[in-house]
N, C-alpha and C. Protein backbone atom coordinates (compact mmCIF):
# COMPACT_ATOMS: atom_id res chain seq x y z
N MET A 1 2.58 -16.80 3.80
CA MET A 1 2.76 -15.95 2.64
C MET A 1 3.81 -14.90 2.97
N THR A 2 4.72 -14.68 2.07
CA THR A 2 5.80 -13.72 2.28
C THR A 2 5.56 -12.45 1.45
N THR A 3 6.22 -11.39 1.84
CA THR A 3 6.05 -10.11 1.14
C THR A 3 7.06 -9.92 0.01
N THR A 4 7.98 -10.83 -0.15
CA THR A 4 9.03 -10.66 -1.17
C THR A 4 8.47 -10.51 -2.58
N PRO A 5 7.54 -11.37 -3.04
CA PRO A 5 7.01 -11.16 -4.39
C PRO A 5 6.29 -9.83 -4.57
N ILE A 6 5.60 -9.40 -3.52
CA ILE A 6 4.88 -8.12 -3.60
C ILE A 6 5.87 -6.98 -3.79
N VAL A 7 6.93 -6.99 -3.00
CA VAL A 7 7.94 -5.94 -3.10
C VAL A 7 8.64 -5.98 -4.46
N LEU A 8 8.95 -7.16 -4.95
CA LEU A 8 9.64 -7.27 -6.25
C LEU A 8 8.76 -6.77 -7.40
N ILE A 9 7.48 -7.12 -7.35
CA ILE A 9 6.58 -6.68 -8.43
C ILE A 9 6.36 -5.17 -8.35
N TYR A 10 6.20 -4.64 -7.14
CA TYR A 10 6.07 -3.18 -7.00
C TYR A 10 7.34 -2.47 -7.44
N ALA A 11 8.50 -3.05 -7.13
CA ALA A 11 9.76 -2.43 -7.57
C ALA A 11 9.87 -2.43 -9.09
N ALA A 12 9.45 -3.52 -9.72
CA ALA A 12 9.46 -3.57 -11.18
C ALA A 12 8.49 -2.55 -11.78
N ALA A 13 7.30 -2.44 -11.18
CA ALA A 13 6.32 -1.46 -11.66
C ALA A 13 6.84 -0.03 -11.47
N ALA A 14 7.47 0.23 -10.33
CA ALA A 14 8.00 1.57 -10.06
C ALA A 14 9.16 1.90 -11.00
N GLY A 15 10.04 0.95 -11.22
CA GLY A 15 11.16 1.18 -12.14
C GLY A 15 10.69 1.43 -13.56
N LEU A 16 9.74 0.61 -14.00
CA LEU A 16 9.19 0.81 -15.34
C LEU A 16 8.43 2.13 -15.42
N GLY A 17 7.74 2.49 -14.34
CA GLY A 17 7.05 3.78 -14.31
C GLY A 17 8.01 4.94 -14.41
N GLY A 18 9.15 4.83 -13.75
CA GLY A 18 10.18 5.87 -13.87
C GLY A 18 10.70 6.00 -15.29
N TYR A 19 10.88 4.86 -15.95
CA TYR A 19 11.33 4.89 -17.35
C TYR A 19 10.27 5.49 -18.26
N VAL A 20 9.01 5.13 -18.04
CA VAL A 20 7.91 5.70 -18.83
C VAL A 20 7.81 7.21 -18.59
N LEU A 21 8.04 7.65 -17.36
CA LEU A 21 8.03 9.08 -17.06
C LEU A 21 9.16 9.79 -17.80
N LEU A 22 10.33 9.17 -17.84
CA LEU A 22 11.45 9.74 -18.60
C LEU A 22 11.09 9.87 -20.08
N LEU A 23 10.45 8.84 -20.62
CA LEU A 23 10.01 8.92 -22.02
C LEU A 23 8.96 10.02 -22.21
N TRP A 24 8.09 10.20 -21.21
CA TRP A 24 7.07 11.24 -21.30
C TRP A 24 7.72 12.63 -21.36
N PHE A 25 8.79 12.83 -20.57
CA PHE A 25 9.50 14.11 -20.61
C PHE A 25 10.17 14.32 -21.97
N ARG A 26 10.55 13.25 -22.61
CA ARG A 26 11.17 13.34 -23.94
C ARG A 26 10.15 13.37 -25.07
N LYS A 27 8.86 13.42 -24.72
CA LYS A 27 7.75 13.46 -25.67
C LYS A 27 7.66 12.18 -26.52
N ALA A 28 8.09 11.08 -25.95
CA ALA A 28 7.98 9.78 -26.62
C ALA A 28 6.98 8.93 -25.85
N ARG A 29 6.18 8.16 -26.58
CA ARG A 29 5.20 7.29 -25.92
C ARG A 29 5.43 5.86 -26.39
N ARG A 30 5.38 4.96 -25.46
CA ARG A 30 5.47 3.54 -25.76
C ARG A 30 4.27 2.85 -25.10
N PRO A 31 3.18 2.68 -25.83
CA PRO A 31 1.98 2.10 -25.24
C PRO A 31 2.19 0.70 -24.67
N GLY A 32 3.08 -0.06 -25.25
CA GLY A 32 3.35 -1.40 -24.73
C GLY A 32 3.96 -1.36 -23.34
N LEU A 33 4.89 -0.44 -23.12
CA LEU A 33 5.49 -0.30 -21.79
C LEU A 33 4.47 0.22 -20.77
N ILE A 34 3.61 1.11 -21.21
CA ILE A 34 2.56 1.61 -20.32
C ILE A 34 1.63 0.47 -19.92
N ALA A 35 1.31 -0.41 -20.86
CA ALA A 35 0.44 -1.55 -20.57
C ALA A 35 1.10 -2.50 -19.57
N VAL A 36 2.39 -2.75 -19.73
CA VAL A 36 3.11 -3.62 -18.79
C VAL A 36 3.16 -2.97 -17.41
N HIS A 37 3.38 -1.66 -17.36
CA HIS A 37 3.37 -0.92 -16.09
C HIS A 37 2.01 -1.06 -15.41
N LEU A 38 0.95 -0.95 -16.17
CA LEU A 38 -0.40 -1.10 -15.65
C LEU A 38 -0.62 -2.52 -15.11
N LEU A 39 -0.21 -3.52 -15.86
CA LEU A 39 -0.41 -4.90 -15.42
C LEU A 39 0.40 -5.22 -14.17
N LEU A 40 1.63 -4.74 -14.11
CA LEU A 40 2.45 -4.98 -12.91
C LEU A 40 1.84 -4.30 -11.69
N GLY A 41 1.39 -3.08 -11.86
CA GLY A 41 0.76 -2.37 -10.75
C GLY A 41 -0.51 -3.04 -10.28
N ALA A 42 -1.34 -3.49 -11.21
CA ALA A 42 -2.59 -4.16 -10.84
C ALA A 42 -2.31 -5.49 -10.14
N ALA A 43 -1.33 -6.22 -10.64
CA ALA A 43 -0.98 -7.51 -10.01
C ALA A 43 -0.45 -7.30 -8.60
N ALA A 44 0.40 -6.30 -8.42
CA ALA A 44 0.96 -6.04 -7.10
C ALA A 44 -0.11 -5.54 -6.13
N LEU A 45 -1.03 -4.71 -6.61
CA LEU A 45 -2.12 -4.24 -5.76
C LEU A 45 -3.00 -5.41 -5.31
N GLU A 46 -3.30 -6.31 -6.22
CA GLU A 46 -4.11 -7.47 -5.88
C GLU A 46 -3.38 -8.38 -4.90
N MET A 47 -2.07 -8.56 -5.10
CA MET A 47 -1.29 -9.40 -4.18
C MET A 47 -1.21 -8.77 -2.78
N LEU A 48 -1.06 -7.46 -2.72
CA LEU A 48 -1.02 -6.78 -1.43
C LEU A 48 -2.35 -6.90 -0.71
N PHE A 49 -3.44 -6.73 -1.44
CA PHE A 49 -4.76 -6.85 -0.84
C PHE A 49 -4.98 -8.28 -0.34
N ALA A 50 -4.60 -9.27 -1.13
CA ALA A 50 -4.74 -10.66 -0.70
C ALA A 50 -3.87 -10.96 0.51
N PHE A 51 -2.66 -10.41 0.53
CA PHE A 51 -1.77 -10.60 1.67
C PHE A 51 -2.40 -10.07 2.94
N LEU A 52 -2.98 -8.90 2.86
CA LEU A 52 -3.59 -8.29 4.06
C LEU A 52 -4.80 -9.10 4.54
N ARG A 53 -5.57 -9.66 3.61
CA ARG A 53 -6.74 -10.43 4.01
C ARG A 53 -6.35 -11.82 4.53
N LEU A 54 -5.35 -12.44 3.94
CA LEU A 54 -4.98 -13.80 4.32
C LEU A 54 -4.07 -13.85 5.56
N LYS A 55 -3.37 -12.77 5.82
CA LYS A 55 -2.42 -12.77 6.94
C LYS A 55 -3.10 -12.64 8.29
N ASP A 56 -4.31 -12.14 8.32
CA ASP A 56 -5.06 -11.95 9.56
C ASP A 56 -4.26 -11.12 10.56
N LEU A 57 -4.04 -9.87 10.20
CA LEU A 57 -3.22 -8.96 11.00
C LEU A 57 -3.97 -8.37 12.19
N GLY A 58 -5.25 -8.52 12.23
CA GLY A 58 -6.02 -7.90 13.31
C GLY A 58 -6.47 -6.51 12.91
N ASP A 59 -7.48 -6.02 13.58
CA ASP A 59 -8.05 -4.72 13.21
C ASP A 59 -7.25 -3.54 13.73
N ASN A 60 -6.61 -3.68 14.89
CA ASN A 60 -5.97 -2.53 15.50
C ASN A 60 -4.45 -2.56 15.41
N GLY A 61 -3.89 -3.52 14.75
CA GLY A 61 -2.44 -3.61 14.68
C GLY A 61 -1.84 -2.55 13.78
N ALA A 62 -0.60 -2.21 14.07
CA ALA A 62 0.10 -1.21 13.26
C ALA A 62 0.30 -1.71 11.83
N ALA A 63 0.58 -2.99 11.68
CA ALA A 63 0.77 -3.55 10.34
C ALA A 63 -0.52 -3.48 9.54
N SER A 64 -1.65 -3.71 10.18
CA SER A 64 -2.93 -3.63 9.50
C SER A 64 -3.21 -2.21 9.02
N ARG A 65 -2.95 -1.23 9.86
CA ARG A 65 -3.15 0.18 9.46
C ARG A 65 -2.19 0.57 8.35
N LEU A 66 -0.94 0.13 8.46
CA LEU A 66 0.06 0.44 7.43
C LEU A 66 -0.34 -0.18 6.10
N GLY A 67 -0.83 -1.41 6.14
CA GLY A 67 -1.28 -2.08 4.93
C GLY A 67 -2.49 -1.41 4.32
N THR A 68 -3.40 -0.95 5.15
CA THR A 68 -4.59 -0.25 4.65
C THR A 68 -4.20 1.06 3.98
N ILE A 69 -3.26 1.77 4.55
CA ILE A 69 -2.78 3.01 3.94
C ILE A 69 -2.10 2.71 2.61
N ALA A 70 -1.30 1.65 2.56
CA ALA A 70 -0.60 1.28 1.33
C ALA A 70 -1.59 0.93 0.23
N VAL A 71 -2.60 0.14 0.56
CA VAL A 71 -3.61 -0.24 -0.43
C VAL A 71 -4.37 0.99 -0.92
N THR A 72 -4.70 1.90 -0.01
CA THR A 72 -5.42 3.11 -0.39
C THR A 72 -4.59 3.99 -1.32
N LEU A 73 -3.32 4.16 -1.00
CA LEU A 73 -2.45 4.97 -1.85
C LEU A 73 -2.25 4.34 -3.22
N MET A 74 -2.10 3.02 -3.24
CA MET A 74 -1.92 2.35 -4.52
C MET A 74 -3.20 2.37 -5.36
N ALA A 75 -4.36 2.28 -4.70
CA ALA A 75 -5.61 2.39 -5.44
C ALA A 75 -5.78 3.80 -6.01
N LEU A 76 -5.37 4.81 -5.25
CA LEU A 76 -5.40 6.18 -5.75
C LEU A 76 -4.47 6.34 -6.94
N ALA A 77 -3.30 5.73 -6.86
CA ALA A 77 -2.36 5.79 -7.98
C ALA A 77 -2.95 5.10 -9.22
N MET A 78 -3.59 3.97 -9.00
CA MET A 78 -4.19 3.25 -10.12
C MET A 78 -5.31 4.07 -10.75
N PHE A 79 -6.17 4.65 -9.93
CA PHE A 79 -7.28 5.45 -10.44
C PHE A 79 -6.79 6.68 -11.19
N SER A 80 -5.85 7.41 -10.61
CA SER A 80 -5.36 8.62 -11.28
C SER A 80 -4.58 8.28 -12.55
N GLY A 81 -3.93 7.11 -12.56
CA GLY A 81 -3.25 6.68 -13.78
C GLY A 81 -4.22 6.33 -14.90
N PHE A 82 -5.40 5.82 -14.53
CA PHE A 82 -6.43 5.53 -15.53
C PHE A 82 -7.08 6.80 -16.07
N VAL A 83 -7.36 7.74 -15.19
CA VAL A 83 -8.15 8.92 -15.57
C VAL A 83 -7.30 9.96 -16.32
N ALA A 84 -6.02 10.05 -16.03
CA ALA A 84 -5.17 11.08 -16.64
C ALA A 84 -5.17 11.03 -18.17
N PRO A 85 -5.01 9.87 -18.81
CA PRO A 85 -5.04 9.88 -20.28
C PRO A 85 -6.41 10.23 -20.86
N VAL A 86 -7.47 9.91 -20.12
CA VAL A 86 -8.81 10.23 -20.61
C VAL A 86 -9.01 11.74 -20.68
N LEU A 87 -8.49 12.45 -19.67
CA LEU A 87 -8.62 13.91 -19.64
C LEU A 87 -7.53 14.62 -20.43
N GLY A 88 -6.54 13.90 -20.88
CA GLY A 88 -5.35 14.51 -21.48
C GLY A 88 -5.59 15.37 -22.68
N LYS A 89 -6.48 14.97 -23.55
CA LYS A 89 -6.67 15.71 -24.78
C LYS A 89 -7.48 17.00 -24.58
N GLN A 90 -8.44 16.96 -23.66
CA GLN A 90 -9.31 18.12 -23.49
C GLN A 90 -8.88 19.05 -22.37
N HIS A 91 -8.40 18.48 -21.28
CA HIS A 91 -8.04 19.27 -20.10
C HIS A 91 -6.60 18.97 -19.71
N ARG A 92 -5.68 19.65 -20.35
CA ARG A 92 -4.26 19.36 -20.17
C ARG A 92 -3.79 19.59 -18.73
N THR A 93 -4.24 20.65 -18.10
CA THR A 93 -3.82 20.97 -16.74
C THR A 93 -4.32 19.92 -15.75
N ALA A 94 -5.55 19.50 -15.91
CA ALA A 94 -6.11 18.48 -15.02
C ALA A 94 -5.39 17.15 -15.21
N ALA A 95 -5.06 16.83 -16.45
CA ALA A 95 -4.34 15.58 -16.72
C ALA A 95 -2.94 15.61 -16.11
N ASN A 96 -2.27 16.73 -16.18
CA ASN A 96 -0.95 16.84 -15.57
C ASN A 96 -1.03 16.76 -14.05
N SER A 97 -2.07 17.33 -13.48
CA SER A 97 -2.27 17.23 -12.03
C SER A 97 -2.53 15.78 -11.62
N LEU A 98 -3.33 15.08 -12.40
CA LEU A 98 -3.59 13.67 -12.12
C LEU A 98 -2.34 12.82 -12.29
N LEU A 99 -1.51 13.17 -13.25
CA LEU A 99 -0.24 12.45 -13.43
C LEU A 99 0.67 12.67 -12.23
N ALA A 100 0.71 13.90 -11.73
CA ALA A 100 1.50 14.18 -10.52
C ALA A 100 0.94 13.43 -9.31
N THR A 101 -0.38 13.36 -9.21
CA THR A 101 -1.02 12.58 -8.14
C THR A 101 -0.67 11.11 -8.28
N HIS A 102 -0.65 10.60 -9.49
CA HIS A 102 -0.30 9.21 -9.76
C HIS A 102 1.12 8.90 -9.29
N VAL A 103 2.04 9.78 -9.63
CA VAL A 103 3.44 9.56 -9.26
C VAL A 103 3.63 9.65 -7.74
N CYS A 104 3.08 10.70 -7.14
CA CYS A 104 3.27 10.90 -5.69
C CYS A 104 2.60 9.80 -4.87
N SER A 105 1.38 9.44 -5.21
CA SER A 105 0.71 8.39 -4.43
C SER A 105 1.34 7.03 -4.70
N GLY A 106 1.85 6.80 -5.89
CA GLY A 106 2.55 5.55 -6.17
C GLY A 106 3.84 5.42 -5.39
N VAL A 107 4.61 6.48 -5.34
CA VAL A 107 5.86 6.45 -4.57
C VAL A 107 5.58 6.30 -3.08
N ALA A 108 4.61 7.05 -2.57
CA ALA A 108 4.26 6.95 -1.15
C ALA A 108 3.73 5.56 -0.82
N GLY A 109 2.91 4.99 -1.70
CA GLY A 109 2.40 3.64 -1.48
C GLY A 109 3.51 2.60 -1.50
N PHE A 110 4.47 2.77 -2.41
CA PHE A 110 5.61 1.85 -2.47
C PHE A 110 6.44 1.92 -1.19
N LEU A 111 6.63 3.11 -0.68
CA LEU A 111 7.36 3.24 0.60
C LEU A 111 6.59 2.59 1.75
N MET A 112 5.27 2.70 1.72
CA MET A 112 4.46 2.03 2.76
C MET A 112 4.56 0.51 2.63
N VAL A 113 4.60 0.01 1.39
CA VAL A 113 4.77 -1.43 1.19
C VAL A 113 6.13 -1.88 1.72
N LEU A 114 7.16 -1.08 1.49
CA LEU A 114 8.48 -1.43 2.03
C LEU A 114 8.48 -1.44 3.56
N ALA A 115 7.79 -0.47 4.16
CA ALA A 115 7.69 -0.44 5.62
C ALA A 115 6.90 -1.62 6.14
N LEU A 116 5.87 -2.02 5.44
CA LEU A 116 5.09 -3.19 5.83
C LEU A 116 5.92 -4.46 5.69
N ALA A 117 6.68 -4.56 4.62
CA ALA A 117 7.52 -5.74 4.41
C ALA A 117 8.63 -5.84 5.46
N ALA A 118 9.08 -4.71 5.97
CA ALA A 118 10.14 -4.73 6.98
C ALA A 118 9.63 -5.30 8.30
N GLN A 119 8.33 -5.31 8.50
CA GLN A 119 7.76 -5.86 9.74
C GLN A 119 7.63 -7.37 9.71
N PHE A 120 7.80 -7.98 8.54
CA PHE A 120 7.65 -9.43 8.42
C PHE A 120 8.93 -10.09 8.06
């Protein structure tokens, strides 16, 4: 199994997320694009998790730890991306903090995926 599809899907999700963020700054919402961003992120997270389980990297290897960090950051991004719109109407400050957490953990997770892919 190769990491190329994982990186490509994460890159597509990150690029679309950047575009959705730009629309958010312009006070425009496109629910269809948000849904595609969600599906791409979920697919890439599932592929990364499957890659780590099927590759048999060992428990103490650097690649295993890097992959675990990447999965954790991406799961945090997914969770904060889900919760932010739920809190958006009632708790604006909390929703904005969750959105910032979503962006930061997503970018950090994507960089970890790139570092993991560079090892293979």
